[in-house]
Amino acid sequence: MNAVRKRRLIVTLVILGAVAIAAGLSVFALQQNVTYLYSPTEVDAGKAPAHHPFRLGGIVKEGSVHQVPGTLTTDFVITDRFQSIPVRYTGILPDLFRTGLSTITTGRMEHGTFVATTVLAKHDATYMPPQVKQAIAKAKEENRIPPHALEGGGP
């Protein structure tokens, strides 16, 4: 092997090594920031991480929402209709937060209670923003869309 080929081989190996190290560090960093979604049944079965943040998804149990007087702390229960997990959240709840609707919370388990740092409320499948409703109604008045286009409720 001549000197030029040897140099090219060394440079290629160094570049490949640097790319492999960068990819490995990126994957490691991304794994540290990932929060997985678990249902109350999975949390009860011990599948959720014990000391790391994760997402808890389910339905807000009817009659379980209690505001602590004089604070922004709210206690409620998330259920998947098989298991239930008590949740404590301090902050302002989203406008769409209601009992019986789907919710995703981010936080960690502490002494049998899920302490949430974020609460996301999901709207139901029939939700349609007011602007979209108005645009569809206007188009319907102008006979640009068929009458059955409003069936199904979603865009």
C-alpha atoms as a PDB file:
ATOM      1  CA  MET A   1       0.000   0.000   0.000  1.00  0.00           C
ATOM      2  CA  ASN A   2       1.440   3.329  -1.007  1.00  0.00           C
ATOM      3  CA  ALA A   3       1.537   6.443   1.205  1.00  0.00           C
ATOM      4  CA  VAL A   4      -1.385   8.234  -0.490  1.00  0.00           C
ATOM      5  CA  ARG A   5      -3.695   5.247  -0.066  1.00  0.00           C
ATOM      6  CA  LYS A   6      -2.644   4.826   3.528  1.00  0.00           C
ATOM      7  CA  ARG A   7      -3.394   8.483   4.275  1.00  0.00           C
ATOM      8  CA  ARG A   8      -6.828   8.257   2.613  1.00  0.00           C
ATOM      9  CA  LEU A   9      -7.637   5.127   4.626  1.00  0.00           C
ATOM     10  CA  ILE A  10      -6.628   6.828   7.883  1.00  0.00           C
ATOM     11  CA  VAL A  11      -8.667   9.962   7.089  1.00  0.00           C
ATOM     12  CA  THR A  12     -11.692   7.836   6.147  1.00  0.00           C
ATOM     13  CA  LEU A  13     -11.436   5.823   9.371  1.00  0.00           C
ATOM     14  CA  VAL A  14     -11.095   8.983  11.476  1.00  0.00           C
ATOM     15  CA  ILE A  15     -14.180  10.518   9.805  1.00  0.00           C
ATOM     16  CA  LEU A  16     -16.194   7.311  10.282  1.00  0.00           C
ATOM     17  CA  GLY A  17     -15.113   7.153  13.939  1.00  0.00           C
ATOM     18  CA  ALA A  18     -16.130  10.767  14.531  1.00  0.00           C
ATOM     19  CA  VAL A  19     -19.536  10.162  12.917  1.00  0.00           C
ATOM     20  CA  ALA A  20     -20.060   7.035  15.041  1.00  0.00           C
ATOM     21  CA  ILE A  21     -19.179   8.912  18.241  1.00  0.00           C
ATOM     22  CA  ALA A  22     -21.481  11.820  17.328  1.00  0.00           C
ATOM     23  CA  ALA A  23     -24.350   9.429  16.551  1.00  0.00           C
ATOM     24  CA  GLY A  24     -23.825   7.564  19.814  1.00  0.00           C
ATOM     25  CA  LEU A  25     -23.814  10.767  21.861  1.00  0.00           C
ATOM     26  CA  SER A  26     -26.957  11.994  20.083  1.00  0.00           C
ATOM     27  CA  VAL A  27     -28.848   8.783  20.794  1.00  0.00           C
ATOM     28  CA  PHE A  28     -27.741   8.870  24.435  1.00  0.00           C
ATOM     29  CA  ALA A  29     -28.866  12.500  24.829  1.00  0.00           C
ATOM     30  CA  LEU A  30     -32.236  11.814  23.202  1.00  0.00           C
ATOM     31  CA  GLN A  31     -32.892   8.834  25.471  1.00  0.00           C
ATOM     32  CA  GLN A  32     -32.386  11.029  28.519  1.00  0.00           C
ATOM     33  CA  ASN A  33     -35.093  13.467  27.341  1.00  0.00           C
ATOM     34  CA  VAL A  34     -37.757  11.008  26.191  1.00  0.00           C
ATOM     35  CA  THR A  35     -40.944  10.741  28.249  1.00  0.00           C
ATOM     36  CA  TYR A  36     -43.077   7.718  27.449  1.00  0.00           C
ATOM     37  CA  LEU A  37     -46.856   7.553  27.761  1.00  0.00           C
ATOM     38  CA  TYR A  38     -48.317   4.989  30.179  1.00  0.00           C
ATOM     39  CA  SER A  39     -51.887   4.112  31.087  1.00  0.00           C
ATOM     40  CA  PRO A  40     -52.966   3.714  34.747  1.00  0.00           C
ATOM     41  CA  THR A  41     -52.999  -0.079  34.267  1.00  0.00           C
ATOM     42  CA  GLU A  42     -49.361  -0.026  33.086  1.00  0.00           C
ATOM     43  CA  VAL A  43     -48.365   2.224  35.997  1.00  0.00           C
ATOM     44  CA  ASP A  44     -50.113  -0.117  38.447  1.00  0.00           C
ATOM     45  CA  ALA A  45     -48.279  -3.075  36.871  1.00  0.00           C
ATOM     46  CA  GLY A  46     -44.938  -1.352  37.520  1.00  0.00           C
ATOM     47  CA  LYS A  47     -44.033  -0.692  33.872  1.00  0.00           C
ATOM     48  CA  ALA A  48     -43.547   3.068  34.392  1.00  0.00           C
ATOM     49  CA  PRO A  49     -40.165   4.380  35.590  1.00  0.00           C
ATOM     50  CA  ALA A  50     -40.034   4.831  39.358  1.00  0.00           C
ATOM     51  CA  HIS A  51     -37.851   7.937  39.629  1.00  0.00           C
ATOM     52  CA  HIS A  52     -38.061   9.508  36.175  1.00  0.00           C
ATOM     53  CA  PRO A  53     -40.737  11.702  34.586  1.00  0.00           C
ATOM     54  CA  PHE A  54     -43.262  10.039  32.311  1.00  0.00           C
ATOM     55  CA  ARG A  55     -46.634  10.787  30.783  1.00  0.00           C
ATOM     56  CA  LEU A  56     -49.841   9.410  32.258  1.00  0.00           C
ATOM     57  CA  GLY A  57     -52.779   9.253  29.878  1.00  0.00           C
ATOM     58  CA  GLY A  58     -56.395   8.423  30.532  1.00  0.00           C
ATOM     59  CA  ILE A  59     -59.802   9.849  31.315  1.00  0.00           C
ATOM     60  CA  VAL A  60     -60.543  12.209  34.200  1.00  0.00           C
ATOM     61  CA  LYS A  61     -62.792  10.198  36.523  1.00  0.00           C
ATOM     62  CA  GLU A  62     -66.229  11.684  37.123  1.00  0.00           C
ATOM     63  CA  GLY A  63     -66.583  13.401  40.497  1.00  0.00           C
ATOM     64  CA  SER A  64     -62.871  13.234  41.282  1.00  0.00           C
ATOM     65  CA  VAL A  65     -61.821  16.855  40.646  1.00  0.00           C
ATOM     66  CA  HIS A  66     -61.175  18.751  43.890  1.00  0.00           C
ATOM     67  CA  GLN A  67     -59.636  22.219  44.120  1.00  0.00           C
ATOM     68  CA  VAL A  68     -57.587  22.873  47.282  1.00  0.00           C
ATOM     69  CA  PRO A  69     -59.091  26.082  48.723  1.00  0.00           C
ATOM     70  CA  GLY A  70     -56.903  29.178  48.422  1.00  0.00           C
ATOM     71  CA  THR A  71     -54.344  27.554  46.103  1.00  0.00           C
ATOM     72  CA  LEU A  72     -53.887  26.585  42.473  1.00  0.00           C
ATOM     73  CA  THR A  73     -53.556  22.915  43.489  1.00  0.00           C
ATOM     74  CA  THR A  74     -56.072  20.508  41.991  1.00  0.00           C
ATOM     75  CA  ASP A  75     -56.467  16.843  42.859  1.00  0.00           C
ATOM     76  CA  PHE A  76     -58.169  14.482  40.423  1.00  0.00           C
ATOM     77  CA  VAL A  77     -58.094  10.865  39.334  1.00  0.00           C
ATOM     78  CA  ILE A  78     -57.016   9.537  35.928  1.00  0.00           C
ATOM     79  CA  THR A  79     -58.523   6.214  34.920  1.00  0.00           C
ATOM     80  CA  ASP A  80     -58.505   3.861  31.981  1.00  0.00           C
ATOM     81  CA  ARG A  81     -61.688   2.231  33.345  1.00  0.00           C
ATOM     82  CA  PHE A  82     -59.594  -0.658  34.766  1.00  0.00           C
ATOM     83  CA  GLN A  83     -57.187   1.111  37.142  1.00  0.00           C
ATOM     84  CA  SER A  84     -57.157   4.606  38.623  1.00  0.00           C
ATOM     85  CA  ILE A  85     -54.243   6.837  39.640  1.00  0.00           C
ATOM     86  CA  PRO A  86     -54.629   9.929  41.885  1.00  0.00           C
ATOM     87  CA  VAL A  87     -53.048  13.050  40.386  1.00  0.00           C
ATOM     88  CA  ARG A  88     -52.011  16.316  42.014  1.00  0.00           C
ATOM     89  CA  TYR A  89     -51.365  19.379  39.848  1.00  0.00           C
ATOM     90  CA  THR A  90     -50.430  22.900  40.898  1.00  0.00           C
ATOM     91  CA  GLY A  91     -51.168  25.505  38.245  1.00  0.00           C
ATOM     92  CA  ILE A  92     -53.889  26.681  35.925  1.00  0.00           C
ATOM     93  CA  LEU A  93     -55.729  23.848  34.202  1.00  0.00           C
ATOM     94  CA  PRO A  94     -56.446  24.037  30.449  1.00  0.00           C
ATOM     95  CA  ASP A  95     -59.868  25.341  29.369  1.00  0.00           C
ATOM     96  CA  LEU A  96     -60.803  21.964  27.870  1.00  0.00           C
ATOM     97  CA  PHE A  97     -60.095  20.083  31.128  1.00  0.00           C
ATOM     98  CA  ARG A  98     -63.320  18.319  32.154  1.00  0.00           C
ATOM     99  CA  THR A  99     -64.365  15.120  33.860  1.00  0.00           C
ATOM    100  CA  GLY A 100     -64.988  12.311  31.422  1.00  0.00           C
ATOM    101  CA  LEU A 101     -62.553  13.670  28.801  1.00  0.00           C
ATOM    102  CA  SER A 102     -59.101  12.401  27.829  1.00  0.00           C
ATOM    103  CA  THR A 103     -56.126  13.994  29.517  1.00  0.00           C
ATOM    104  CA  ILE A 104     -52.364  13.552  29.299  1.00  0.00           C
ATOM    105  CA  THR A 105     -50.264  14.625  32.268  1.00  0.00           C
ATOM    106  CA  THR A 106     -46.484  14.774  32.580  1.00  0.00           C
ATOM    107  CA  GLY A 107     -44.808  14.233  35.933  1.00  0.00           C
ATOM    108  CA  ARG A 108     -43.638  11.495  38.289  1.00  0.00           C
ATOM    109  CA  MET A 109     -44.977   9.161  40.944  1.00  0.00           C
ATOM    110  CA  GLU A 110     -44.450  10.253  44.568  1.00  0.00           C
ATOM    111  CA  HIS A 111     -45.853   8.156  47.424  1.00  0.00           C
ATOM    112  CA  GLY A 112     -48.639   6.614  45.337  1.00  0.00           C
ATOM    113  CA  THR A 113     -49.744   9.919  43.789  1.00  0.00           C
ATOM    114  CA  PHE A 114     -48.797  11.179  40.349  1.00  0.00           C
ATOM    115  CA  VAL A 115     -47.440  14.721  40.795  1.00  0.00           C
ATOM    116  CA  ALA A 116     -48.044  16.439  37.463  1.00  0.00           C
ATOM    117  CA  THR A 117     -45.988  19.301  36.082  1.00  0.00           C
ATOM    118  CA  THR A 118     -48.046  19.626  32.880  1.00  0.00           C
ATOM    119  CA  VAL A 119     -51.670  18.833  32.079  1.00  0.00           C
ATOM    120  CA  LEU A 120     -52.870  18.585  28.473  1.00  0.00           C
ATOM    121  CA  ALA A 121     -56.596  18.231  27.816  1.00  0.00           C
ATOM    122  CA  LYS A 122     -57.678  16.579  24.588  1.00  0.00           C
ATOM    123  CA  HIS A 123     -60.852  17.629  22.832  1.00  0.00           C
ATOM    124  CA  ASP A 124     -63.326  15.078  21.595  1.00  0.00           C
ATOM    125  CA  ALA A 125     -63.555  14.012  17.961  1.00  0.00           C
ATOM    126  CA  THR A 126     -66.559  16.256  17.272  1.00  0.00           C
ATOM    127  CA  TYR A 127     -64.704  19.468  18.127  1.00  0.00           C
ATOM    128  CA  MET A 128     -64.467  22.037  15.373  1.00  0.00           C
ATOM    129  CA  PRO A 129     -62.874  25.487  15.787  1.00  0.00           C
ATOM    130  CA  PRO A 130     -65.377  28.370  15.436  1.00  0.00           C
ATOM    131  CA  GLN A 131     -63.509  29.848  12.456  1.00  0.00           C
ATOM    132  CA  VAL A 132     -63.794  26.552  10.562  1.00  0.00           C
ATOM    133  CA  LYS A 133     -67.506  26.278  11.393  1.00  0.00           C
ATOM    134  CA  GLN A 134     -68.085  29.811  10.082  1.00  0.00           C
ATOM    135  CA  ALA A 135     -66.149  29.166   6.881  1.00  0.00           C
ATOM    136  CA  ILE A 136     -68.092  25.947   6.224  1.00  0.00           C
ATOM    137  CA  ALA A 137     -71.416  27.662   6.958  1.00  0.00           C
ATOM    138  CA  LYS A 138     -70.527  30.509   4.598  1.00  0.00           C
ATOM    139  CA  ALA A 139     -69.475  28.094   1.850  1.00  0.00           C
ATOM    140  CA  LYS A 140     -72.680  26.119   2.380  1.00  0.00           C
ATOM    141  CA  GLU A 141     -74.734  29.286   1.979  1.00  0.00           C
ATOM    142  CA  GLU A 142     -72.936  29.961  -1.285  1.00  0.00           C
ATOM    143  CA  ASN A 143     -73.594  26.338  -2.373  1.00  0.00           C
ATOM    144  CA  ARG A 144     -69.904  25.619  -2.777  1.00  0.00           C
ATOM    145  CA  ILE A 145     -69.936  22.460  -0.685  1.00  0.00           C
ATOM    146  CA  PRO A 146     -72.500  19.653  -0.481  1.00  0.00           C
ATOM    147  CA  PRO A 147     -74.801  19.582   2.598  1.00  0.00           C
ATOM    148  CA  HIS A 148     -73.336  16.274   3.839  1.00  0.00           C
ATOM    149  CA  ALA A 149     -69.883  17.869   4.331  1.00  0.00           C
ATOM    150  CA  LEU A 150     -70.793  18.867   7.887  1.00  0.00           C
ATOM    151  CA  GLU A 151     -71.540  15.255   8.832  1.00  0.00           C
ATOM    152  CA  GLY A 152     -68.839  13.669  10.955  1.00  0.00           C
ATOM    153  CA  GLY A 153     -68.110  16.901  12.813  1.00  0.00           C
ATOM    154  CA  GLY A 154     -64.384  17.162  12.100  1.00  0.00           C
ATOM    155  CA  PRO A 155     -62.349  18.947   9.457  1.00  0.00           C
END
